[in-house]
Protein backbone atom coordinates (compact mmCIF):
# COMPACT_ATOMS: atom_id res chain seq x y z
CA GLN A 1 -108.61 -21.71 31.04
CA LEU A 2 -107.33 -24.51 33.29
CA GLN A 3 -105.92 -27.60 31.56
CA LEU A 4 -105.45 -30.85 33.45
CA VAL A 5 -102.87 -33.53 32.54
CA GLU A 6 -103.17 -37.03 33.97
CA SER A 7 -100.24 -39.45 34.01
CA GLY A 8 -99.28 -42.87 35.72
CA GLY A 9 -101.56 -45.25 33.76
CA ASP A 10 -100.10 -48.53 32.85
CA LEU A 11 -100.68 -52.27 32.63
CA VAL A 12 -100.73 -54.04 35.87
CA GLN A 13 -101.52 -57.51 37.15
CA PRO A 14 -104.51 -58.04 39.65
CA GLY A 15 -103.42 -57.17 42.93
CA GLY A 16 -100.97 -54.68 42.06
CA SER A 17 -100.83 -50.89 42.54
CA LEU A 18 -100.57 -47.82 40.47
CA ARG A 19 -100.48 -44.15 41.37
CA LEU A 20 -102.02 -41.64 39.08
CA SER A 21 -101.34 -38.07 39.03
CA CYS A 22 -103.35 -35.03 38.00
CA ALA A 23 -101.44 -31.71 37.34
CA ALA A 24 -102.40 -28.26 35.95
CA ALA A 25 -100.58 -27.76 32.53
CA SER A 26 -98.60 -24.65 31.56
CA GLY A 27 -97.79 -23.48 35.04
CA GLY A 28 -101.36 -23.34 36.11
CA SER A 29 -102.60 -24.23 39.61
CA LEU A 30 -105.26 -26.31 41.12
CA ASP A 31 -105.70 -23.91 44.22
CA GLY A 32 -109.24 -23.29 44.86
CA TYR A 33 -110.57 -26.24 42.90
CA ALA A 34 -112.16 -29.52 44.09
CA ILE A 35 -110.61 -32.29 42.21
CA GLY A 36 -112.36 -35.46 41.18
CA TRP A 37 -111.40 -38.74 39.36
CA PHE A 38 -113.65 -40.48 37.15
CA ARG A 39 -113.32 -43.54 35.07
CA GLN A 40 -114.83 -44.91 32.00
CA ALA A 41 -114.69 -48.51 30.75
CA PRO A 42 -115.46 -49.51 27.13
CA GLY A 43 -119.13 -49.95 26.87
CA LYS A 44 -119.94 -48.44 30.26
CA GLU A 45 -121.11 -45.15 31.54
CA ARG A 46 -118.43 -42.84 33.11
CA GLU A 47 -118.29 -43.47 36.83
CA GLY A 48 -117.14 -40.97 39.60
CA ILE A 49 -114.85 -42.66 42.04
CA THR A 50 -113.40 -40.10 44.29
CA CYS A 51 -113.19 -36.36 44.99
CA ILE A 52 -110.99 -34.17 47.26
CA SER A 53 -111.66 -30.62 48.39
CA SER A 54 -109.24 -27.60 47.62
CA SER A 55 -108.02 -27.94 51.22
CA GLY A 56 -107.29 -31.58 50.99
CA ASP A 57 -109.93 -32.50 53.54
CA ASN A 58 -112.84 -34.74 53.58
CA PRO A 59 -112.44 -36.82 50.52
CA ARG A 60 -115.30 -38.89 49.09
CA TYR A 61 -115.04 -42.32 47.56
CA ALA A 62 -117.25 -44.58 45.55
CA ASP A 63 -118.17 -47.83 47.13
CA ALA A 64 -116.44 -49.67 44.33
CA VAL A 65 -113.04 -48.21 45.44
CA LYS A 66 -113.32 -47.43 49.10
CA GLY A 67 -110.45 -48.98 51.08
CA ARG A 68 -108.44 -49.66 48.14
CA PHE A 69 -107.91 -46.18 46.48
CA THR A 70 -106.59 -42.95 48.37
CA ILE A 71 -106.90 -39.48 46.80
CA SER A 72 -104.37 -36.80 48.03
CA LYS A 73 -103.37 -33.45 47.20
CA ASP A 74 -99.75 -32.17 47.12
CA SER A 75 -100.47 -28.39 47.15
CA ALA A 76 -96.58 -27.39 46.98
CA LYS A 77 -96.57 -29.21 43.58
CA SER A 78 -100.32 -28.35 42.68
CA THR A 79 -100.92 -32.13 42.02
CA VAL A 80 -103.47 -34.58 43.01
CA HIS A 81 -102.56 -38.18 43.22
CA LEU A 82 -104.70 -41.28 43.22
CA GLN A 83 -103.01 -44.24 44.94
CA MET A 84 -104.65 -47.51 43.73
CA ASN A 85 -104.03 -50.58 45.61
CA SER A 86 -105.36 -54.17 45.29
CA LEU A 87 -106.42 -53.41 41.69
CA LYS A 88 -108.95 -55.69 40.00
CA THR A 89 -109.76 -56.53 36.36
CA GLU A 90 -112.91 -54.41 36.78
CA ASP A 91 -110.82 -51.29 37.42
CA THR A 92 -109.67 -51.52 33.85
CA ALA A 93 -110.75 -48.13 32.31
CA THR A 94 -109.71 -44.66 31.30
CA TYR A 95 -109.13 -42.42 34.12
CA TYR A 96 -109.96 -38.73 34.05
CA CYS A 97 -109.36 -35.97 36.62
CA ALA A 98 -111.66 -33.08 36.55
CA ALA A 99 -111.60 -29.66 38.25
CA ALA A 100 -114.72 -27.92 39.84
CA LEU A 101 -114.92 -24.02 40.21
CA TRP A 102 -115.93 -24.90 43.71
CA PRO A 103 -113.69 -25.76 46.74
CA THR A 104 -115.68 -28.60 48.11
CA CYS A 105 -116.90 -32.13 46.89
CA GLY A 106 -120.75 -32.30 47.10
CA PRO A 107 -122.51 -35.71 47.61
CA TYR A 108 -123.47 -35.86 44.17
CA TYR A 109 -119.86 -35.29 42.76
CA TYR A 110 -119.90 -38.57 41.11
CA THR A 111 -122.26 -37.33 38.47
CA GLY A 112 -119.38 -35.04 37.09
CA ARG A 113 -121.84 -32.20 36.37
CA ALA A 114 -120.20 -29.80 38.89
CA PHE A 115 -116.88 -30.15 37.22
CA ASP A 116 -115.79 -27.53 34.68
CA TYR A 117 -112.45 -28.70 33.40
CA TRP A 118 -111.35 -32.16 32.34
CA GLY A 119 -108.21 -33.92 31.35
CA GLN A 120 -107.60 -36.16 28.41
CA GLY A 121 -107.36 -39.39 30.40
CA THR A 122 -104.77 -42.07 31.22
CA GLN A 123 -105.39 -45.77 30.48
CA VAL A 124 -105.21 -48.21 33.28
CA THR A 125 -105.44 -51.93 32.48
CA VAL A 126 -105.49 -54.67 35.09
CA ASN A 127 -104.80 -58.00 33.46
CA SER A 128 -102.72 -61.10 34.06
């Protein structure tokens, strides 16, 4: 069973940046999995924001984060990063990474239904 661990959440001012990381716990590996990042704000539904294939190619982004967030994969460290720039108050949420037993990101990745393993989440708060 793959276990995912997110890190990097913090309190940041609007316009600031954060980098979140998603790694496999207990010596596991992200090889062969597509990895997605999702977020959920209080009182709102979960939102899929980006996905990267197992090869690190062709990432997909939700319109809400396109041009501000960048997903990348460090295969050597079996870690996926989410670089978040120009943060807005509306980016405040708990961020989750998830792994799919499929190497590519389909166009409906944002529903989350294709993902089999989920992390516990890391809190991002954007507030002045």
